[in-house]
Amino acid sequence: MEPAGIPEPLVRVVGLTMAFGGELVQRDLDFEIRRDEVFAIVGASGCGKSTLLRHLIGLQEPAAGRVLYGEHDLHRADEETLASLRRRFGVMFQAGALWSSMTVGENIMLPLRLFTAQPLALRERLARWKLALVGLEGAFDLEPAELSGGMRKRAAIARALALDPELLYLDEPSSGLDPFSAARLDGLILNLRRNLGTTVVMVSHSMDSVFAVADRVLYLDHVEKTMTALGAPRVLAETGPERVRAFLHRRSQP
């Protein structure tokens, strides 16, 4: 049982080791993702941040260890259970990955069309609502190519929210954005947590965004090839291991 005051975990990672062929990426990862938190995964380029995200959503098999949603191991579940588990989370990939052959509205409605029996009118109404949540009220009939980089990121988040997931995974949400757009996206992340109760897991290289939104930070050490810190960003910046302190004291350049 969780101690009083600590939210229950949505995801537990137990003894996770990640590798490509015979090359070790990260080893012995043990951590929990708690309900209603913003959880950031950070570390130097090439340390395995996006690789860890792929393990968390079931796109890559662990070399060892488990990724648990409740009592279900994401990588050992049968197809029916796996489909149910995947309905619990949404994913925004780094490039946004909107289908260029569809309008923005059609992109948002796609998960509803594939995974629900809702009629078209209801799918459209829900898609327009999700776009409004991310500040894109007038974008339903636009083509993805007509959107700015920040707008594409927000549209991708709207699509990830289409099925009302309790958990949202974001891969480098601030990548390629100007400071104003990045700050606006930070505000959106906080609003999703506050207004919808969405738990957010974000891979990020932007320390400005991490300090603005993250409740806890997981640091993946590229030298030790394991996690060497987990905690509130400001606490780790002051009392964490030396390499972690140096990393967290970086700030994005204008």
C-alpha atoms as a PDB file:
ATOM      1  CA  MET A   1       0.000   0.000   0.000  1.00  0.00           C
ATOM      2  CA  GLU A   2       1.227   3.503  -0.830  1.00  0.00           C
ATOM      3  CA  PRO A   3       2.140   5.734   2.151  1.00  0.00           C
ATOM      4  CA  ALA A   4      -0.409   8.430   2.979  1.00  0.00           C
ATOM      5  CA  GLY A   5      -0.133  11.447   0.701  1.00  0.00           C
ATOM      6  CA  ILE A   6       1.608   9.653  -2.183  1.00  0.00           C
ATOM      7  CA  PRO A   7      -0.674   9.031  -5.196  1.00  0.00           C
ATOM      8  CA  GLU A   8      -1.021   5.460  -6.411  1.00  0.00           C
ATOM      9  CA  PRO A   9       1.231   4.487  -9.329  1.00  0.00           C
ATOM     10  CA  LEU A  10      -0.229   4.111 -12.795  1.00  0.00           C
ATOM     11  CA  VAL A  11       2.910   2.445 -14.149  1.00  0.00           C
ATOM     12  CA  ARG A  12       5.683   0.494 -12.427  1.00  0.00           C
ATOM     13  CA  VAL A  13       8.988  -0.207 -14.140  1.00  0.00           C
ATOM     14  CA  VAL A  14      10.827  -3.106 -12.519  1.00  0.00           C
ATOM     15  CA  GLY A  15      14.404  -4.114 -13.337  1.00  0.00           C
ATOM     16  CA  LEU A  16      14.166  -2.805 -16.902  1.00  0.00           C
ATOM     17  CA  THR A  17      17.198  -3.269 -19.128  1.00  0.00           C
ATOM     18  CA  MET A  18      17.197  -1.901 -22.680  1.00  0.00           C
ATOM     19  CA  ALA A  19      19.568  -2.965 -25.448  1.00  0.00           C
ATOM     20  CA  PHE A  20      20.005  -2.900 -29.219  1.00  0.00           C
ATOM     21  CA  GLY A  21      21.503  -6.200 -30.261  1.00  0.00           C
ATOM     22  CA  GLY A  22      24.432  -6.671 -27.915  1.00  0.00           C
ATOM     23  CA  GLU A  23      24.781  -2.977 -27.065  1.00  0.00           C
ATOM     24  CA  LEU A  24      23.493  -1.934 -23.649  1.00  0.00           C
ATOM     25  CA  VAL A  25      21.385   1.250 -23.622  1.00  0.00           C
ATOM     26  CA  GLN A  26      20.216   1.411 -19.964  1.00  0.00           C
ATOM     27  CA  ARG A  27      20.097  -1.188 -17.190  1.00  0.00           C
ATOM     28  CA  ASP A  28      18.302  -1.864 -13.901  1.00  0.00           C
ATOM     29  CA  LEU A  29      15.663   0.851 -14.168  1.00  0.00           C
ATOM     30  CA  ASP A  30      13.202   0.846 -11.254  1.00  0.00           C
ATOM     31  CA  PHE A  31      10.636   3.621 -10.878  1.00  0.00           C
ATOM     32  CA  GLU A  32       6.923   4.409 -10.709  1.00  0.00           C
ATOM     33  CA  ILE A  33       4.787   6.929 -12.578  1.00  0.00           C
ATOM     34  CA  ARG A  34       2.194   8.317 -10.181  1.00  0.00           C
ATOM     35  CA  ARG A  35      -1.346   9.386 -10.903  1.00  0.00           C
ATOM     36  CA  ASP A  36      -1.820  13.135 -11.519  1.00  0.00           C
ATOM     37  CA  GLU A  37       1.864  14.002 -11.921  1.00  0.00           C
ATOM     38  CA  VAL A  38       4.011  15.422 -14.699  1.00  0.00           C
ATOM     39  CA  PHE A  39       6.980  13.061 -14.940  1.00  0.00           C
ATOM     40  CA  ALA A  40       9.991  14.117 -17.024  1.00  0.00           C
ATOM     41  CA  ILE A  41      12.666  11.824 -18.471  1.00  0.00           C
ATOM     42  CA  VAL A  42      15.952  13.657 -19.050  1.00  0.00           C
ATOM     43  CA  GLY A  43      19.591  12.970 -19.833  1.00  0.00           C
ATOM     44  CA  ALA A  44      22.294  13.646 -22.397  1.00  0.00           C
ATOM     45  CA  SER A  45      21.649  13.022 -26.093  1.00  0.00           C
ATOM     46  CA  GLY A  46      21.793   9.325 -26.891  1.00  0.00           C
ATOM     47  CA  CYS A  47      21.253   8.158 -23.289  1.00  0.00           C
ATOM     48  CA  GLY A  48      18.046   6.281 -24.154  1.00  0.00           C
ATOM     49  CA  LYS A  49      15.224   8.702 -23.313  1.00  0.00           C
ATOM     50  CA  SER A  50      13.112   8.014 -26.416  1.00  0.00           C
ATOM     51  CA  THR A  51      14.051   4.330 -26.217  1.00  0.00           C
ATOM     52  CA  LEU A  52      12.590   4.239 -22.714  1.00  0.00           C
ATOM     53  CA  LEU A  53       9.428   5.897 -24.006  1.00  0.00           C
ATOM     54  CA  ARG A  54       9.087   3.180 -26.660  1.00  0.00           C
ATOM     55  CA  HIS A  55       9.376   0.540 -23.930  1.00  0.00           C
ATOM     56  CA  LEU A  56       6.735   2.310 -21.838  1.00  0.00           C
ATOM     57  CA  ILE A  57       4.221   2.228 -24.696  1.00  0.00           C
ATOM     58  CA  GLY A  58       5.038  -1.293 -25.831  1.00  0.00           C
ATOM     59  CA  LEU A  59       6.818  -0.565 -29.106  1.00  0.00           C
ATOM     60  CA  GLN A  60      10.095  -2.135 -28.031  1.00  0.00           C
ATOM     61  CA  GLU A  61      10.763  -5.315 -26.066  1.00  0.00           C
ATOM     62  CA  PRO A  62      12.942  -5.134 -22.934  1.00  0.00           C
ATOM     63  CA  ALA A  63      16.160  -7.097 -22.768  1.00  0.00           C
ATOM     64  CA  ALA A  64      15.092  -7.792 -19.167  1.00  0.00           C
ATOM     65  CA  GLY A  65      12.561  -6.513 -16.648  1.00  0.00           C
ATOM     66  CA  ARG A  66       8.901  -5.511 -16.717  1.00  0.00           C
ATOM     67  CA  VAL A  67       6.625  -2.553 -17.466  1.00  0.00           C
ATOM     68  CA  LEU A  68       3.514  -2.963 -15.315  1.00  0.00           C
ATOM     69  CA  TYR A  69       0.136  -1.271 -15.718  1.00  0.00           C
ATOM     70  CA  GLY A  70      -1.572  -2.411 -12.555  1.00  0.00           C
ATOM     71  CA  GLU A  71      -0.736  -6.102 -12.403  1.00  0.00           C
ATOM     72  CA  HIS A  72      -0.446  -6.483 -16.176  1.00  0.00           C
ATOM     73  CA  ASP A  73       2.959  -6.689 -17.838  1.00  0.00           C
ATOM     74  CA  LEU A  74       2.717  -4.654 -21.039  1.00  0.00           C
ATOM     75  CA  HIS A  75       5.170  -6.941 -22.815  1.00  0.00           C
ATOM     76  CA  ARG A  76       3.631 -10.257 -21.747  1.00  0.00           C
ATOM     77  CA  ALA A  77      -0.080  -9.503 -22.004  1.00  0.00           C
ATOM     78  CA  ASP A  78      -2.364 -11.306 -24.440  1.00  0.00           C
ATOM     79  CA  GLU A  79      -3.712  -9.318 -27.384  1.00  0.00           C
ATOM     80  CA  GLU A  80      -7.054  -8.480 -25.768  1.00  0.00           C
ATOM     81  CA  THR A  81      -5.424  -7.229 -22.560  1.00  0.00           C
ATOM     82  CA  LEU A  82      -2.772  -5.355 -24.520  1.00  0.00           C
ATOM     83  CA  ALA A  83      -5.414  -3.545 -26.564  1.00  0.00           C
ATOM     84  CA  SER A  84      -7.198  -2.568 -23.351  1.00  0.00           C
ATOM     85  CA  LEU A  85      -3.973  -1.307 -21.759  1.00  0.00           C
ATOM     86  CA  ARG A  86      -3.101   0.793 -24.803  1.00  0.00           C
ATOM     87  CA  ARG A  87      -6.477   2.499 -24.626  1.00  0.00           C
ATOM     88  CA  ARG A  88      -5.346   3.907 -21.280  1.00  0.00           C
ATOM     89  CA  PHE A  89      -2.634   6.100 -22.791  1.00  0.00           C
ATOM     90  CA  GLY A  90      -2.112   8.521 -25.665  1.00  0.00           C
ATOM     91  CA  VAL A  91       1.174   9.326 -27.390  1.00  0.00           C
ATOM     92  CA  MET A  92       2.527  12.421 -29.103  1.00  0.00           C
ATOM     93  CA  PHE A  93       5.618  11.537 -31.103  1.00  0.00           C
ATOM     94  CA  GLN A  94       8.423  14.048 -31.572  1.00  0.00           C
ATOM     95  CA  ALA A  95       7.553  15.105 -35.116  1.00  0.00           C
ATOM     96  CA  GLY A  96       3.806  15.201 -34.433  1.00  0.00           C
ATOM     97  CA  ALA A  97       3.184  12.486 -37.056  1.00  0.00           C
ATOM     98  CA  LEU A  98      -0.055  13.963 -38.414  1.00  0.00           C
ATOM     99  CA  TRP A  99      -1.299  12.339 -41.614  1.00  0.00           C
ATOM    100  CA  SER A 100      -0.719  14.872 -44.404  1.00  0.00           C
ATOM    101  CA  SER A 101      -3.481  13.307 -46.521  1.00  0.00           C
ATOM    102  CA  MET A 102      -6.095  14.155 -43.866  1.00  0.00           C
ATOM    103  CA  THR A 103      -7.367  17.441 -42.507  1.00  0.00           C
ATOM    104  CA  VAL A 104      -6.548  18.287 -38.914  1.00  0.00           C
ATOM    105  CA  GLY A 105     -10.074  17.301 -37.900  1.00  0.00           C
ATOM    106  CA  GLU A 106      -9.813  13.962 -39.698  1.00  0.00           C
ATOM    107  CA  ASN A 107      -6.522  13.310 -37.897  1.00  0.00           C
ATOM    108  CA  ILE A 108      -8.180  13.890 -34.524  1.00  0.00           C
ATOM    109  CA  MET A 109     -11.188  11.717 -35.438  1.00  0.00           C
ATOM    110  CA  LEU A 110      -9.042   8.804 -36.655  1.00  0.00           C
ATOM    111  CA  PRO A 111      -8.664   7.061 -33.241  1.00  0.00           C
ATOM    112  CA  LEU A 112     -12.399   7.508 -32.646  1.00  0.00           C
ATOM    113  CA  ARG A 113     -13.171   5.937 -36.025  1.00  0.00           C
ATOM    114  CA  LEU A 114     -10.773   3.024 -35.455  1.00  0.00           C
ATOM    115  CA  PHE A 115     -11.588   2.202 -31.838  1.00  0.00           C
ATOM    116  CA  THR A 116     -15.186   3.294 -31.190  1.00  0.00           C
ATOM    117  CA  ALA A 117     -18.588   2.807 -32.814  1.00  0.00           C
ATOM    118  CA  GLN A 118     -19.534   6.467 -32.435  1.00  0.00           C
ATOM    119  CA  PRO A 119     -21.445   8.099 -35.326  1.00  0.00           C
ATOM    120  CA  LEU A 120     -19.696  10.692 -37.474  1.00  0.00           C
ATOM    121  CA  ALA A 121     -21.513  13.654 -35.943  1.00  0.00           C
ATOM    122  CA  LEU A 122     -20.388  12.694 -32.439  1.00  0.00           C
ATOM    123  CA  ARG A 123     -16.810  12.033 -33.595  1.00  0.00           C
ATOM    124  CA  GLU A 124     -16.703  15.486 -35.163  1.00  0.00           C
ATOM    125  CA  ARG A 125     -18.101  17.135 -32.047  1.00  0.00           C
ATOM    126  CA  LEU A 126     -15.542  15.390 -29.825  1.00  0.00           C
ATOM    127  CA  ALA A 127     -12.691  16.244 -32.194  1.00  0.00           C
ATOM    128  CA  ARG A 128     -13.656  19.922 -32.211  1.00  0.00           C
ATOM    129  CA  TRP A 129     -13.752  19.866 -28.403  1.00  0.00           C
ATOM    130  CA  LYS A 130     -10.274  18.319 -28.182  1.00  0.00           C
ATOM    131  CA  LEU A 131      -8.941  20.946 -30.584  1.00  0.00           C
ATOM    132  CA  ALA A 132     -10.519  23.645 -28.427  1.00  0.00           C
ATOM    133  CA  LEU A 133      -8.784  22.173 -25.373  1.00  0.00           C
ATOM    134  CA  VAL A 134      -5.402  22.755 -27.021  1.00  0.00           C
ATOM    135  CA  GLY A 135      -6.281  26.212 -28.350  1.00  0.00           C
ATOM    136  CA  LEU A 136      -6.949  25.234 -31.968  1.00  0.00           C
ATOM    137  CA  GLU A 137     -10.667  25.991 -32.234  1.00  0.00           C
ATOM    138  CA  GLY A 138     -10.466  27.091 -35.867  1.00  0.00           C
ATOM    139  CA  ALA A 139      -8.151  24.385 -37.172  1.00  0.00           C
ATOM    140  CA  PHE A 140     -10.613  21.536 -37.815  1.00  0.00           C
ATOM    141  CA  ASP A 141     -10.761  21.990 -41.617  1.00  0.00           C
ATOM    142  CA  LEU A 142      -7.115  23.007 -42.121  1.00  0.00           C
ATOM    143  CA  GLU A 143      -4.424  20.833 -43.649  1.00  0.00           C
ATOM    144  CA  PRO A 144      -1.469  19.917 -41.369  1.00  0.00           C
ATOM    145  CA  ALA A 145       0.833  21.820 -43.746  1.00  0.00           C
ATOM    146  CA  GLU A 146      -1.061  25.012 -42.915  1.00  0.00           C
ATOM    147  CA  LEU A 147      -0.131  24.782 -39.232  1.00  0.00           C
ATOM    148  CA  SER A 148       2.940  26.275 -37.571  1.00  0.00           C
ATOM    149  CA  GLY A 149       5.306  23.975 -35.674  1.00  0.00           C
ATOM    150  CA  GLY A 150       3.696  24.796 -32.339  1.00  0.00           C
ATOM    151  CA  MET A 151       0.209  24.291 -33.750  1.00  0.00           C
ATOM    152  CA  ARG A 152       1.188  20.886 -35.149  1.00  0.00           C
ATOM    153  CA  LYS A 153       2.447  19.851 -31.705  1.00  0.00           C
ATOM    154  CA  ARG A 154      -0.839  20.924 -30.114  1.00  0.00           C
ATOM    155  CA  ALA A 155      -2.866  19.162 -32.814  1.00  0.00           C
ATOM    156  CA  ALA A 156      -0.872  15.984 -32.172  1.00  0.00           C
ATOM    157  CA  ILE A 157      -1.672  16.289 -28.461  1.00  0.00           C
ATOM    158  CA  ALA A 158      -5.363  16.708 -29.327  1.00  0.00           C
ATOM    159  CA  ARG A 159      -5.219  13.467 -31.324  1.00  0.00           C
ATOM    160  CA  ALA A 160      -3.445  11.718 -28.431  1.00  0.00           C
ATOM    161  CA  LEU A 161      -6.322  12.855 -26.186  1.00  0.00           C
ATOM    162  CA  ALA A 162      -9.028  11.607 -28.555  1.00  0.00           C
ATOM    163  CA  LEU A 163      -9.860   8.505 -26.496  1.00  0.00           C
ATOM    164  CA  ASP A 164      -9.671  10.320 -23.128  1.00  0.00           C
ATOM    165  CA  PRO A 165      -6.545   8.523 -21.878  1.00  0.00           C
ATOM    166  CA  GLU A 166      -5.557   8.773 -18.228  1.00  0.00           C
ATOM    167  CA  LEU A 167      -1.891   8.880 -19.238  1.00  0.00           C
ATOM    168  CA  LEU A 168      -0.281  11.039 -21.937  1.00  0.00           C
ATOM    169  CA  TYR A 169       3.217  10.381 -23.299  1.00  0.00           C
ATOM    170  CA  LEU A 170       5.003  13.298 -24.999  1.00  0.00           C
ATOM    171  CA  ASP A 171       8.273  12.850 -26.908  1.00  0.00           C
ATOM    172  CA  GLU A 172      10.228  16.141 -26.947  1.00  0.00           C
ATOM    173  CA  PRO A 173       7.145  18.391 -27.002  1.00  0.00           C
ATOM    174  CA  SER A 174       9.227  21.618 -27.064  1.00  0.00           C
ATOM    175  CA  SER A 175      11.675  20.473 -29.749  1.00  0.00           C
ATOM    176  CA  GLY A 176      12.001  22.975 -32.589  1.00  0.00           C
ATOM    177  CA  LEU A 177       9.736  25.579 -30.996  1.00  0.00           C
ATOM    178  CA  ASP A 178      10.497  29.232 -30.318  1.00  0.00           C
ATOM    179  CA  PRO A 179      10.431  30.287 -26.627  1.00  0.00           C
ATOM    180  CA  PHE A 180       6.903  31.724 -26.856  1.00  0.00           C
ATOM    181  CA  SER A 181       5.456  28.567 -28.444  1.00  0.00           C
ATOM    182  CA  ALA A 182       7.353  26.357 -25.985  1.00  0.00           C
ATOM    183  CA  ALA A 183       5.988  28.325 -23.019  1.00  0.00           C
ATOM    184  CA  ARG A 184       2.463  28.057 -24.443  1.00  0.00           C
ATOM    185  CA  LEU A 185       2.867  24.298 -24.718  1.00  0.00           C
ATOM    186  CA  ASP A 186       4.111  24.152 -21.127  1.00  0.00           C
ATOM    187  CA  GLY A 187       0.927  25.939 -20.070  1.00  0.00           C
ATOM    188  CA  LEU A 188      -1.166  23.433 -22.011  1.00  0.00           C
ATOM    189  CA  ILE A 189       0.525  20.504 -20.231  1.00  0.00           C
ATOM    190  CA  LEU A 190      -0.249  22.029 -16.835  1.00  0.00           C
ATOM    191  CA  ASN A 191      -3.848  22.731 -17.854  1.00  0.00           C
ATOM    192  CA  LEU A 192      -4.361  19.129 -18.965  1.00  0.00           C
ATOM    193  CA  ARG A 193      -3.151  17.879 -15.602  1.00  0.00           C
ATOM    194  CA  ARG A 194      -5.168  20.442 -13.650  1.00  0.00           C
ATOM    195  CA  ASN A 195      -8.439  20.367 -15.615  1.00  0.00           C
ATOM    196  CA  LEU A 196      -8.599  16.789 -16.917  1.00  0.00           C
ATOM    197  CA  GLY A 197      -6.527  14.976 -14.310  1.00  0.00           C
ATOM    198  CA  THR A 198      -4.229  13.672 -17.062  1.00  0.00           C
ATOM    199  CA  THR A 199      -0.941  12.150 -15.951  1.00  0.00           C
ATOM    200  CA  VAL A 200       1.824  13.339 -18.281  1.00  0.00           C
ATOM    201  CA  VAL A 201       5.147  11.645 -19.047  1.00  0.00           C
ATOM    202  CA  MET A 202       7.465  13.757 -21.175  1.00  0.00           C
ATOM    203  CA  VAL A 203      10.864  13.124 -22.689  1.00  0.00           C
ATOM    204  CA  SER A 204      12.585  16.489 -22.891  1.00  0.00           C
ATOM    205  CA  HIS A 205      15.930  18.136 -23.516  1.00  0.00           C
ATOM    206  CA  SER A 206      14.528  21.555 -22.529  1.00  0.00           C
ATOM    207  CA  MET A 207      15.371  22.334 -18.920  1.00  0.00           C
ATOM    208  CA  ASP A 208      13.186  25.434 -19.075  1.00  0.00           C
ATOM    209  CA  SER A 209      10.162  23.232 -19.749  1.00  0.00           C
ATOM    210  CA  VAL A 210      11.213  20.629 -17.184  1.00  0.00           C
ATOM    211  CA  PHE A 211      11.456  23.212 -14.411  1.00  0.00           C
ATOM    212  CA  ALA A 212       8.194  24.841 -15.532  1.00  0.00           C
ATOM    213  CA  VAL A 213       5.994  21.729 -15.498  1.00  0.00           C
ATOM    214  CA  ALA A 214       7.614  18.604 -14.011  1.00  0.00           C
ATOM    215  CA  ASP A 215       6.771  17.301 -10.542  1.00  0.00           C
ATOM    216  CA  ARG A 216       9.529  14.699 -10.738  1.00  0.00           C
ATOM    217  CA  VAL A 217      12.506  14.077 -13.004  1.00  0.00           C
ATOM    218  CA  LEU A 218      14.155  10.778 -13.915  1.00  0.00           C
ATOM    219  CA  TYR A 219      17.803  11.228 -14.971  1.00  0.00           C
ATOM    220  CA  LEU A 220      19.297   8.589 -17.281  1.00  0.00           C
ATOM    221  CA  ASP A 221      23.082   8.637 -16.979  1.00  0.00           C
ATOM    222  CA  HIS A 222      24.854   8.105 -20.311  1.00  0.00           C
ATOM    223  CA  VAL A 223      28.109   7.099 -18.572  1.00  0.00           C
ATOM    224  CA  GLU A 224      26.783   4.716 -15.913  1.00  0.00           C
ATOM    225  CA  LYS A 225      24.005   3.558 -18.281  1.00  0.00           C
ATOM    226  CA  THR A 226      21.396   3.515 -15.546  1.00  0.00           C
ATOM    227  CA  MET A 227      19.171   5.944 -13.652  1.00  0.00           C
ATOM    228  CA  THR A 228      21.181   7.943 -11.136  1.00  0.00           C
ATOM    229  CA  ALA A 229      18.547  10.375  -9.861  1.00  0.00           C
ATOM    230  CA  LEU A 230      14.780  10.621  -9.394  1.00  0.00           C
ATOM    231  CA  GLY A 231      13.029  13.481  -7.651  1.00  0.00           C
ATOM    232  CA  ALA A 232      11.731  17.043  -7.841  1.00  0.00           C
ATOM    233  CA  PRO A 233      13.811  19.050 -10.340  1.00  0.00           C
ATOM    234  CA  ARG A 234      14.697  21.868  -7.950  1.00  0.00           C
ATOM    235  CA  VAL A 235      15.721  19.410  -5.238  1.00  0.00           C
ATOM    236  CA  LEU A 236      17.924  17.449  -7.636  1.00  0.00           C
ATOM    237  CA  ALA A 237      19.442  20.680  -8.964  1.00  0.00           C
ATOM    238  CA  GLU A 238      20.626  21.475  -5.446  1.00  0.00           C
ATOM    239  CA  THR A 239      21.337  18.098  -3.853  1.00  0.00           C
ATOM    240  CA  GLY A 240      21.571  15.535  -6.674  1.00  0.00           C
ATOM    241  CA  PRO A 241      24.760  13.843  -7.913  1.00  0.00           C
ATOM    242  CA  GLU A 242      27.286  16.218  -9.465  1.00  0.00           C
ATOM    243  CA  ARG A 243      26.561  15.212 -13.077  1.00  0.00           C
ATOM    244  CA  VAL A 244      22.819  15.609 -12.473  1.00  0.00           C
ATOM    245  CA  ARG A 245      23.257  19.054 -10.897  1.00  0.00           C
ATOM    246  CA  ALA A 246      25.363  20.216 -13.821  1.00  0.00           C
ATOM    247  CA  PHE A 247      22.816  18.923 -16.321  1.00  0.00           C
ATOM    248  CA  LEU A 248      19.798  20.464 -14.619  1.00  0.00           C
ATOM    249  CA  HIS A 249      21.452  23.852 -14.252  1.00  0.00           C
ATOM    250  CA  ARG A 250      21.535  24.193 -18.036  1.00  0.00           C
ATOM    251  CA  ARG A 251      18.974  26.496 -19.602  1.00  0.00           C
ATOM    252  CA  SER A 252      17.658  26.588 -23.146  1.00  0.00           C
ATOM    253  CA  GLN A 253      19.286  29.255 -25.276  1.00  0.00           C
ATOM    254  CA  PRO A 254      17.029  31.949 -26.840  1.00  0.00           C
END
